[in-house]
Amino acid sequence: MLVEGIIIAYFVFIVGIGVYSAFKIKKPEDYYVAGKKAGLLPVSGSLLATILGGSAVLGTIELSQKTGWAALWFLFSAAIGLFTLVPISKYVKRYGNFTLPELLGTFYGKKAETIASLIIPMAWLGIVAAQIIAAAKILSGLNSIDYPQAAVISGIVFIVYTLLGGQMSILKTDTLQSVLILAGIIALLVFTLPAPESMQLEALTPSALFNESFDLLDLVILLLTYSVTFVVGPDIYSRVFCARNEKTAARSVLIVAFILIPVSFALTWLGIYSKGSGEAIVSFAQHLLPTWAYGLFLAALLSAVMSSADTTLLTSSIILSELITGNLNQKRSLLLTRILIVGLGIVSLLIAVFVTSIIQALLLALTFFSGAFVVPTLAGLLRLRVNKNNVILSMILGGVIALAGKIIFLSGYQLTGNIVIILSYLVNSILLFSRVRLKTSD
């Protein structure tokens, strides 16, 4: 009962933060970007929690069980993306207001903003559902409730505190969640170091960073489809928009980039160690940790999941609200955003109840997003000279070609699929920087 008590206390506390934050909302800007007054600690904490979602924590551990130390590249790629974002973040803060599509609209016109506003929420809906699935599997693993009940409980909790306090509650809960995530990882790490001599663990050497399961081309694709989402990502930019100034935004990104490096080593080590025990990480932790520490570890996993779900849900709702109303600085836009949070949250919850694994769908969505938006967004932020008449076509073709490459990859033709994904960036760039007018847009 101690473990269940810790989880219940955690849920009650974060909902309480949502209630508290609701009384702090005075205008739409407070709800969307926390009044653009957030300091270094809340922006850094929220950014770290958003990145260390369930897919990052559990994904790195599971990947290391399959590929060994090569799994370090997963969060290394995230850190590389953030290091790249540091000098660019000031432009994101300077030219942006609330959302990534709005930023694209500033650079390329209303049609580009509309296309992005339609595509991004659809892709991010699957990510929200994936986080609910992860939370439900963690809760159902306690054997106190079954999977559907766990999905409903976890879904309702994060929908409620996101609905109540918006970005203000998310910044507060994410900072707490970052502390829990790091504490949970450290707690488990302490009990695995040093490893018993009887366990034959893979040594960390330069050659161990690549193997038959992960080669140099896999790294290139990881950088193109995963790392770039930290340079150009609506959830990442939503943290930047909350910062009180450009310096705070840049420093927060830099701090989190450095933190991800030791976290990557810790998670990869845990995966390699747990593989040697022959157990999945949750059951491995249950047998290894004292009850109180196991409860902390589960709270940390739930924190990782919830911190990605809330940011993604709010971002998607804000984007759609802006698309429908045309102006977020209105009370009716705020009401519509809250309605969309409930609506999108329920849809994600239904997906999570009836679909227990949507990893491939997430990979498809993420690949499409990268192929479509990375090149145009960076070109706009850096004020590069582009052919604005071809922007819509470059985004659509770039996304479709990247998506086709991922489908080919998943069909078993991995080399061909990877080449097609790389080609999507080339096609996007050629269209964007070509002087030939292929399509008329605003």
Protein backbone atom coordinates (compact mmCIF):
# COMPACT_ATOMS: atom_id res chain seq x y z
CA MET A 1 0.00 0.00 0.00
CA LEU A 2 2.94 2.36 0.46
CA VAL A 3 3.62 2.45 -3.29
CA GLU A 4 -0.05 3.11 -4.10
CA GLY A 5 -0.10 5.84 -1.44
CA ILE A 6 2.88 7.59 -3.04
CA ILE A 7 1.20 7.51 -6.47
CA ILE A 8 -2.11 8.83 -5.09
CA ALA A 9 -0.31 11.63 -3.21
CA TYR A 10 1.54 12.54 -6.41
CA PHE A 11 -1.69 12.76 -8.44
CA VAL A 12 -3.46 14.83 -5.76
CA PHE A 13 -0.53 17.22 -5.51
CA ILE A 14 -0.26 18.01 -9.23
CA VAL A 15 -4.03 18.48 -9.54
CA GLY A 16 -3.75 20.85 -6.58
CA ILE A 17 -1.12 22.84 -8.48
CA GLY A 18 -3.57 23.11 -11.37
CA VAL A 19 -6.27 24.48 -9.07
CA TYR A 20 -3.83 26.95 -7.51
CA SER A 21 -2.59 28.12 -10.93
CA ALA A 22 -6.16 28.64 -12.20
CA PHE A 23 -6.55 31.56 -9.78
CA LYS A 24 -3.41 33.17 -11.23
CA ILE A 25 -4.82 33.37 -14.77
CA LYS A 26 -5.70 37.01 -15.46
CA LYS A 27 -5.48 37.14 -19.27
CA PRO A 28 -5.06 34.73 -22.23
CA GLU A 29 -1.30 35.31 -22.34
CA ASP A 30 -1.01 33.92 -18.80
CA TYR A 31 -2.70 30.71 -19.87
CA TYR A 32 -0.80 30.26 -23.14
CA VAL A 33 2.75 31.28 -22.22
CA ALA A 34 2.66 31.98 -18.45
CA GLY A 35 2.61 35.71 -19.15
CA LYS A 36 6.04 35.41 -20.79
CA LYS A 37 7.55 36.02 -17.35
CA ALA A 38 9.02 32.60 -16.51
CA GLY A 39 12.52 32.56 -15.03
CA LEU A 40 15.48 30.25 -15.53
CA LEU A 41 14.38 27.50 -13.10
CA PRO A 42 10.80 26.96 -14.34
CA VAL A 43 11.76 27.17 -18.02
CA SER A 44 14.69 24.76 -17.56
CA GLY A 45 12.65 22.42 -15.39
CA SER A 46 9.73 22.35 -17.78
CA LEU A 47 11.96 21.86 -20.81
CA LEU A 48 13.81 18.98 -19.16
CA ALA A 49 10.57 17.30 -18.07
CA THR A 50 9.07 17.69 -21.54
CA ILE A 51 12.09 16.08 -23.19
CA LEU A 52 12.39 13.27 -20.66
CA GLY A 53 8.95 11.93 -21.49
CA GLY A 54 8.06 8.28 -21.24
CA SER A 55 9.43 7.61 -24.71
CA ALA A 56 12.83 9.12 -23.78
CA VAL A 57 13.25 7.41 -20.40
CA LEU A 58 11.75 4.01 -21.18
CA GLY A 59 12.82 4.24 -24.82
CA THR A 60 16.49 4.75 -23.96
CA ILE A 61 16.43 1.89 -21.45
CA GLU A 62 14.72 -0.49 -23.89
CA LEU A 63 17.00 0.58 -26.74
CA SER A 64 20.11 -0.06 -24.63
CA GLN A 65 18.81 -3.56 -23.85
CA LYS A 66 18.90 -4.21 -27.61
CA THR A 67 21.84 -2.14 -28.85
CA GLY A 68 24.05 -1.71 -25.76
CA TRP A 69 26.03 1.49 -25.41
CA ALA A 70 24.96 2.62 -28.90
CA ALA A 71 21.70 3.71 -27.19
CA LEU A 72 23.65 6.70 -25.86
CA TRP A 73 23.04 8.34 -29.23
CA PHE A 74 19.30 8.62 -28.52
CA LEU A 75 19.57 11.38 -25.90
CA PHE A 76 22.91 12.54 -27.29
CA SER A 77 20.94 13.44 -30.42
CA ALA A 78 18.47 15.39 -28.31
CA ALA A 79 21.36 17.25 -26.67
CA ILE A 80 22.90 18.00 -30.09
CA GLY A 81 19.57 19.45 -31.19
CA LEU A 82 19.41 21.67 -28.11
CA PHE A 83 23.00 22.86 -28.50
CA THR A 84 22.06 23.86 -32.06
CA LEU A 85 18.96 25.65 -30.76
CA VAL A 86 20.91 27.79 -28.25
CA PRO A 87 22.07 30.48 -30.73
CA ILE A 88 18.75 30.25 -32.61
CA SER A 89 16.50 30.50 -29.54
CA LYS A 90 16.82 34.27 -29.42
CA TYR A 91 15.20 34.47 -32.87
CA VAL A 92 12.44 32.08 -31.79
CA LYS A 93 11.75 34.32 -28.81
CA ARG A 94 12.03 37.51 -30.90
CA TYR A 95 9.84 36.56 -33.85
CA GLY A 96 7.42 34.14 -32.17
CA ASN A 97 4.46 34.78 -29.92
CA PHE A 98 2.47 31.67 -28.99
CA THR A 99 2.96 28.81 -31.51
CA LEU A 100 5.21 27.39 -34.23
CA PRO A 101 2.55 27.72 -37.00
CA GLU A 102 2.15 31.38 -36.06
CA LEU A 103 5.91 31.76 -36.46
CA LEU A 104 5.75 30.17 -39.93
CA GLY A 105 2.89 32.51 -40.80
CA THR A 106 5.11 35.47 -39.91
CA PHE A 107 7.74 34.25 -42.36
CA TYR A 108 5.65 32.83 -45.21
CA GLY A 109 2.04 33.96 -44.94
CA LYS A 110 -1.32 32.66 -43.83
CA LYS A 111 -1.41 29.54 -46.03
CA ALA A 112 1.82 28.21 -44.52
CA GLU A 113 0.43 28.86 -41.04
CA THR A 114 -2.81 27.03 -41.89
CA ILE A 115 -1.03 23.96 -43.29
CA ALA A 116 1.16 23.72 -40.19
CA SER A 117 -1.84 24.25 -37.89
CA LEU A 118 -3.66 21.32 -39.48
CA ILE A 119 -0.72 18.89 -39.56
CA ILE A 120 0.96 19.39 -36.19
CA PRO A 121 -2.04 18.70 -33.90
CA MET A 122 -2.82 15.49 -35.81
CA ALA A 123 0.72 14.25 -35.34
CA TRP A 124 0.89 15.33 -31.70
CA LEU A 125 -2.44 13.64 -30.89
CA GLY A 126 -0.72 10.28 -31.21
CA ILE A 127 2.05 11.44 -28.89
CA VAL A 128 -0.47 12.37 -26.20
CA ALA A 129 -2.11 8.94 -26.56
CA ALA A 130 1.28 7.25 -26.32
CA GLN A 131 1.99 8.96 -23.00
CA ILE A 132 -1.38 7.83 -21.62
CA ILE A 133 -0.58 4.28 -22.75
CA ALA A 134 2.77 4.43 -20.96
CA ALA A 135 1.19 5.79 -17.77
CA ALA A 136 -1.54 3.14 -17.87
CA LYS A 137 1.00 0.34 -18.23
CA ILE A 138 2.94 1.66 -15.24
CA LEU A 139 -0.19 1.89 -13.06
CA SER A 140 -1.64 -1.45 -14.17
CA GLY A 141 1.70 -3.04 -13.32
CA LEU A 142 0.85 -2.49 -9.65
CA ASN A 143 -1.90 -5.14 -10.07
CA SER A 144 -4.35 -2.93 -8.17
CA ILE A 145 -6.32 -1.85 -11.26
CA ASP A 146 -6.57 -3.11 -14.84
CA TYR A 147 -5.23 -1.35 -17.94
CA PRO A 148 -8.41 0.49 -19.08
CA GLN A 149 -9.01 1.88 -15.58
CA ALA A 150 -5.37 2.97 -15.34
CA ALA A 151 -5.62 4.74 -18.72
CA VAL A 152 -8.77 6.61 -17.65
CA ILE A 153 -7.28 7.69 -14.30
CA SER A 154 -3.97 8.92 -15.71
CA GLY A 155 -5.72 10.61 -18.64
CA ILE A 156 -8.19 12.46 -16.44
CA VAL A 157 -5.46 13.67 -14.06
CA PHE A 158 -3.30 15.35 -16.68
CA ILE A 159 -6.30 16.71 -18.61
CA VAL A 160 -7.67 18.35 -15.45
CA TYR A 161 -4.51 20.15 -14.34
CA THR A 162 -3.71 21.22 -17.91
CA LEU A 163 -7.26 22.52 -18.32
CA LEU A 164 -7.24 24.47 -15.07
CA GLY A 165 -3.92 26.26 -15.07
CA GLY A 166 -2.64 26.07 -18.65
CA GLN A 167 0.99 26.96 -19.05
CA MET A 168 1.25 28.30 -15.50
CA SER A 169 0.37 24.95 -13.94
CA ILE A 170 2.50 23.06 -16.47
CA LEU A 171 5.62 25.08 -15.63
CA LYS A 172 5.10 24.35 -11.92
CA THR A 173 4.27 20.65 -12.30
CA ASP A 174 7.04 20.12 -14.85
CA THR A 175 9.64 21.56 -12.48
CA LEU A 176 8.49 19.14 -9.78
CA GLN A 177 8.41 16.32 -12.32
CA SER A 178 11.99 17.06 -13.40
CA VAL A 179 13.13 16.67 -9.80
CA LEU A 180 11.22 13.39 -9.46
CA ILE A 181 12.58 12.03 -12.74
CA LEU A 182 16.20 12.77 -11.79
CA ALA A 183 15.67 11.47 -8.23
CA GLY A 184 14.13 8.25 -9.52
CA ILE A 185 16.98 7.64 -11.95
CA ILE A 186 19.58 8.37 -9.26
CA ALA A 187 17.81 6.09 -6.76
CA LEU A 188 17.90 3.16 -9.15
CA LEU A 189 21.44 3.97 -10.24
CA VAL A 190 22.73 3.90 -6.66
CA PHE A 191 21.47 0.34 -6.23
CA THR A 192 23.13 -0.88 -9.45
CA LEU A 193 26.64 0.50 -8.87
CA PRO A 194 28.97 -1.25 -8.76
CA ALA A 195 27.75 -4.25 -10.74
CA PRO A 196 28.42 -7.73 -9.32
CA GLU A 197 31.47 -9.42 -10.83
CA SER A 198 29.25 -12.32 -11.86
CA MET A 199 27.41 -10.11 -14.37
CA GLN A 200 29.10 -9.93 -17.76
CA LEU A 201 28.36 -6.35 -18.80
CA GLU A 202 29.47 -4.72 -22.03
CA ALA A 203 32.41 -2.35 -21.56
CA LEU A 204 32.07 1.25 -22.73
CA THR A 205 34.61 1.75 -25.51
CA PRO A 206 34.53 3.93 -28.66
CA SER A 207 33.78 0.85 -30.76
CA ALA A 208 30.75 0.05 -28.56
CA LEU A 209 28.98 3.19 -29.82
CA PHE A 210 28.29 1.46 -33.14
CA ASN A 211 27.38 -2.16 -33.78
CA GLU A 212 25.30 -4.42 -36.02
CA SER A 213 22.10 -3.01 -34.54
CA PHE A 214 23.12 0.66 -34.89
CA ASP A 215 25.50 1.93 -37.57
CA LEU A 216 26.58 5.34 -38.87
CA LEU A 217 23.64 5.63 -41.27
CA ASP A 218 21.24 4.94 -38.40
CA LEU A 219 22.85 7.86 -36.56
CA VAL A 220 22.36 10.15 -39.58
CA ILE A 221 18.68 9.23 -39.75
CA LEU A 222 18.32 9.70 -35.98
CA LEU A 223 19.76 13.20 -36.32
CA LEU A 224 17.47 14.03 -39.26
CA THR A 225 14.23 12.69 -37.75
CA TYR A 226 14.74 13.03 -33.99
CA SER A 227 17.50 15.51 -33.19
CA VAL A 228 16.01 18.18 -35.46
CA THR A 229 12.72 18.11 -33.52
CA PHE A 230 14.63 19.78 -30.68
CA VAL A 231 15.79 22.52 -33.01
CA VAL A 232 12.34 22.93 -34.56
CA GLY A 233 9.57 21.60 -32.34
CA PRO A 234 6.27 23.14 -31.18
CA ASP A 235 6.63 21.68 -27.69
CA ILE A 236 10.21 22.96 -27.36
CA TYR A 237 9.30 26.40 -28.69
CA SER A 238 6.39 26.63 -26.25
CA ARG A 239 8.99 26.63 -23.43
CA VAL A 240 11.04 29.31 -25.18
CA PHE A 241 7.98 31.53 -25.60
CA CYS A 242 7.39 31.38 -21.82
CA ALA A 243 10.83 32.76 -20.93
CA ARG A 244 10.99 36.32 -19.62
CA ASN A 245 13.67 37.28 -22.17
CA GLU A 246 16.02 35.94 -24.85
CA LYS A 247 18.89 35.37 -22.42
CA THR A 248 16.73 33.25 -20.10
CA ALA A 249 15.52 31.17 -23.04
CA ALA A 250 19.04 30.52 -24.35
CA ARG A 251 20.47 29.68 -20.91
CA SER A 252 17.62 27.28 -20.17
CA VAL A 253 18.17 25.40 -23.43
CA LEU A 254 21.92 25.21 -22.76
CA ILE A 255 21.47 23.92 -19.18
CA VAL A 256 19.09 21.17 -20.28
CA ALA A 257 21.40 20.14 -23.13
CA PHE A 258 24.23 19.57 -20.64
CA ILE A 259 21.96 17.69 -18.20
CA LEU A 260 20.87 15.26 -20.93
CA ILE A 261 24.42 13.93 -21.35
CA PRO A 262 24.84 12.32 -17.87
CA VAL A 263 21.16 11.28 -17.95
CA SER A 264 21.85 9.43 -21.19
CA PHE A 265 24.74 7.55 -19.58
CA ALA A 266 22.59 6.69 -16.54
CA LEU A 267 19.62 5.39 -18.55
CA THR A 268 21.81 3.41 -20.93
CA TRP A 269 23.64 1.83 -18.01
CA LEU A 270 20.33 0.88 -16.40
CA GLY A 271 19.21 -0.77 -19.61
CA ILE A 272 22.42 -2.77 -19.98
CA TYR A 273 22.33 -3.75 -16.31
CA SER A 274 18.66 -4.80 -16.35
CA LYS A 275 19.27 -6.83 -19.52
CA GLY A 276 21.86 -8.80 -17.56
CA SER A 277 19.21 -9.57 -14.95
CA GLY A 278 16.81 -10.79 -17.62
CA GLU A 279 13.96 -8.52 -16.39
CA ALA A 280 12.06 -5.53 -17.73
CA ILE A 281 13.05 -2.28 -16.04
CA VAL A 282 9.89 -1.89 -13.88
CA SER A 283 9.98 -5.42 -12.44
CA PHE A 284 13.76 -5.13 -12.19
CA ALA A 285 13.34 -1.96 -10.09
CA GLN A 286 10.70 -3.60 -7.90
CA HIS A 287 13.04 -6.44 -6.96
CA LEU A 288 16.07 -4.20 -6.52
CA LEU A 289 14.71 -1.20 -4.61
CA PRO A 290 13.20 -0.87 -1.13
CA THR A 291 9.47 -0.17 -1.19
CA TRP A 292 9.75 3.59 -0.65
CA ALA A 293 12.39 3.93 -3.38
CA TYR A 294 10.31 1.80 -5.76
CA GLY A 295 7.35 4.13 -5.17
CA LEU A 296 9.63 7.09 -5.95
CA PHE A 297 10.84 5.38 -9.12
CA LEU A 298 7.26 4.77 -10.33
CA ALA A 299 6.37 8.39 -9.54
CA ALA A 300 9.41 9.40 -11.60
CA LEU A 301 8.24 7.30 -14.56
CA LEU A 302 4.75 8.76 -14.29
CA SER A 303 6.29 12.23 -14.10
CA ALA A 304 8.21 11.59 -17.30
CA VAL A 305 5.03 10.51 -19.04
CA MET A 306 2.74 13.25 -17.72
CA SER A 307 5.21 16.06 -18.43
CA SER A 308 5.23 15.24 -22.14
CA ALA A 309 1.47 14.69 -22.31
CA ASP A 310 0.47 18.02 -20.75
CA THR A 311 2.77 20.14 -22.92
CA THR A 312 1.77 18.32 -26.11
CA LEU A 313 -1.95 18.53 -25.33
CA LEU A 314 -1.84 22.25 -24.52
CA THR A 315 0.31 23.06 -27.56
CA SER A 316 -2.03 21.20 -29.93
CA SER A 317 -5.08 22.91 -28.44
CA ILE A 318 -3.53 26.37 -28.71
CA ILE A 319 -2.59 25.77 -32.36
CA LEU A 320 -6.11 24.69 -33.31
CA SER A 321 -7.68 27.54 -31.33
CA GLU A 322 -5.53 30.04 -33.17
CA LEU A 323 -6.45 28.45 -36.51
CA ILE A 324 -10.19 28.70 -35.76
CA THR A 325 -10.34 32.15 -34.14
CA GLY A 326 -7.45 33.86 -35.89
CA ASN A 327 -6.46 35.72 -32.73
CA LEU A 328 -5.48 34.19 -29.40
CA ASN A 329 -5.68 37.49 -27.51
CA GLN A 330 -9.40 37.10 -26.95
CA LYS A 331 -11.46 35.56 -24.14
CA ARG A 332 -13.36 33.39 -26.63
CA SER A 333 -10.05 31.96 -27.86
CA LEU A 334 -9.18 31.02 -24.28
CA LEU A 335 -12.57 29.32 -23.85
CA LEU A 336 -12.12 27.45 -27.15
CA THR A 337 -8.62 26.35 -26.11
CA ARG A 338 -10.01 24.85 -22.91
CA ILE A 339 -12.77 23.08 -24.84
CA LEU A 340 -10.17 21.68 -27.23
CA ILE A 341 -8.03 20.46 -24.32
CA VAL A 342 -10.97 18.39 -23.11
CA GLY A 343 -11.88 17.23 -26.61
CA LEU A 344 -8.38 16.27 -27.74
CA GLY A 345 -7.66 14.78 -24.33
CA ILE A 346 -10.71 12.52 -24.56
CA VAL A 347 -9.82 11.43 -28.10
CA SER A 348 -6.28 10.60 -26.97
CA LEU A 349 -7.70 8.74 -23.99
CA LEU A 350 -9.98 6.66 -26.21
CA ILE A 351 -7.03 5.81 -28.46
CA ALA A 352 -5.04 4.75 -25.41
CA VAL A 353 -7.86 2.54 -24.10
CA PHE A 354 -8.34 0.63 -27.33
CA VAL A 355 -4.81 0.72 -28.78
CA THR A 356 -2.00 -0.41 -26.49
CA SER A 357 0.90 0.20 -28.90
CA ILE A 358 1.17 3.01 -31.45
CA ILE A 359 4.96 3.30 -31.66
CA GLN A 360 5.06 2.92 -35.44
CA ALA A 361 2.37 5.55 -35.88
CA LEU A 362 4.41 7.93 -33.71
CA LEU A 363 7.52 7.33 -35.78
CA LEU A 364 5.56 8.00 -38.97
CA ALA A 365 4.13 11.26 -37.60
CA LEU A 366 7.50 12.45 -36.30
CA THR A 367 9.21 11.70 -39.59
CA PHE A 368 6.53 13.57 -41.56
CA PHE A 369 6.88 16.57 -39.26
CA SER A 370 10.67 16.66 -39.66
CA GLY A 371 10.58 16.37 -43.45
CA ALA A 372 7.95 19.09 -43.73
CA PHE A 373 8.90 21.81 -41.26
CA VAL A 374 12.56 21.71 -40.24
CA VAL A 375 14.07 23.36 -43.33
CA PRO A 376 11.42 26.10 -43.75
CA THR A 377 11.47 27.01 -40.06
CA LEU A 378 15.25 27.28 -39.85
CA ALA A 379 15.36 29.28 -43.08
CA GLY A 380 12.82 31.72 -41.67
CA LEU A 381 14.55 32.10 -38.31
CA LEU A 382 17.92 32.70 -39.96
CA ARG A 383 16.33 35.12 -42.42
CA LEU A 384 17.66 33.24 -45.42
CA ARG A 385 16.46 34.29 -48.85
CA VAL A 386 13.88 31.77 -50.08
CA ASN A 387 11.27 31.43 -52.80
CA LYS A 388 8.08 32.06 -50.83
CA ASN A 389 5.97 30.88 -53.75
CA ASN A 390 7.30 27.35 -53.23
CA VAL A 391 7.02 27.15 -49.44
CA ILE A 392 3.71 25.24 -49.32
CA LEU A 393 4.87 22.76 -51.94
CA SER A 394 8.22 22.26 -50.19
CA MET A 395 6.52 21.49 -46.88
CA ILE A 396 3.99 19.08 -48.37
CA LEU A 397 6.45 17.23 -50.63
CA GLY A 398 9.15 17.14 -47.94
CA GLY A 399 6.73 15.62 -45.47
CA VAL A 400 5.22 13.12 -47.91
CA ILE A 401 8.61 11.92 -49.16
CA ALA A 402 9.92 11.52 -45.60
CA LEU A 403 6.76 9.62 -44.66
CA ALA A 404 7.18 7.36 -47.67
CA GLY A 405 10.77 6.68 -46.64
CA LYS A 406 9.66 5.66 -43.16
CA ILE A 407 7.01 3.32 -44.58
CA ILE A 408 9.63 1.74 -46.84
CA PHE A 409 11.94 1.36 -43.84
CA LEU A 410 9.25 -0.32 -41.76
CA SER A 411 8.46 -2.63 -44.69
CA GLY A 412 11.91 -4.17 -44.38
CA TYR A 413 13.87 -2.13 -46.93
CA GLN A 414 15.85 -0.18 -44.38
CA LEU A 415 18.65 1.20 -46.56
CA THR A 416 16.25 2.35 -49.28
CA GLY A 417 13.93 3.89 -46.69
CA ASN A 418 16.78 5.82 -45.05
CA ILE A 419 17.94 7.16 -48.43
CA VAL A 420 14.42 8.36 -49.23
CA ILE A 421 14.20 10.15 -45.85
CA ILE A 422 17.47 11.95 -46.58
CA LEU A 423 16.11 12.78 -50.05
CA SER A 424 13.11 14.53 -48.46
CA TYR A 425 15.40 17.17 -46.96
CA LEU A 426 17.11 17.64 -50.31
CA VAL A 427 13.81 18.09 -52.16
CA ASN A 428 12.53 20.47 -49.50
CA SER A 429 15.69 22.57 -49.72
CA ILE A 430 15.77 22.63 -53.54
CA LEU A 431 12.17 23.84 -53.73
CA LEU A 432 12.64 26.37 -50.96
CA PHE A 433 15.81 27.94 -52.32
CA SER A 434 15.02 27.57 -56.02
CA ARG A 435 14.35 30.69 -58.03
CA VAL A 436 11.91 28.81 -60.24
CA ARG A 437 8.31 29.56 -59.31
CA LEU A 438 6.38 26.29 -59.06
CA LYS A 439 3.37 27.29 -56.97
CA THR A 440 1.68 30.50 -55.96
CA SER A 441 1.04 31.14 -52.28
CA ASP A 442 0.35 34.10 -50.02
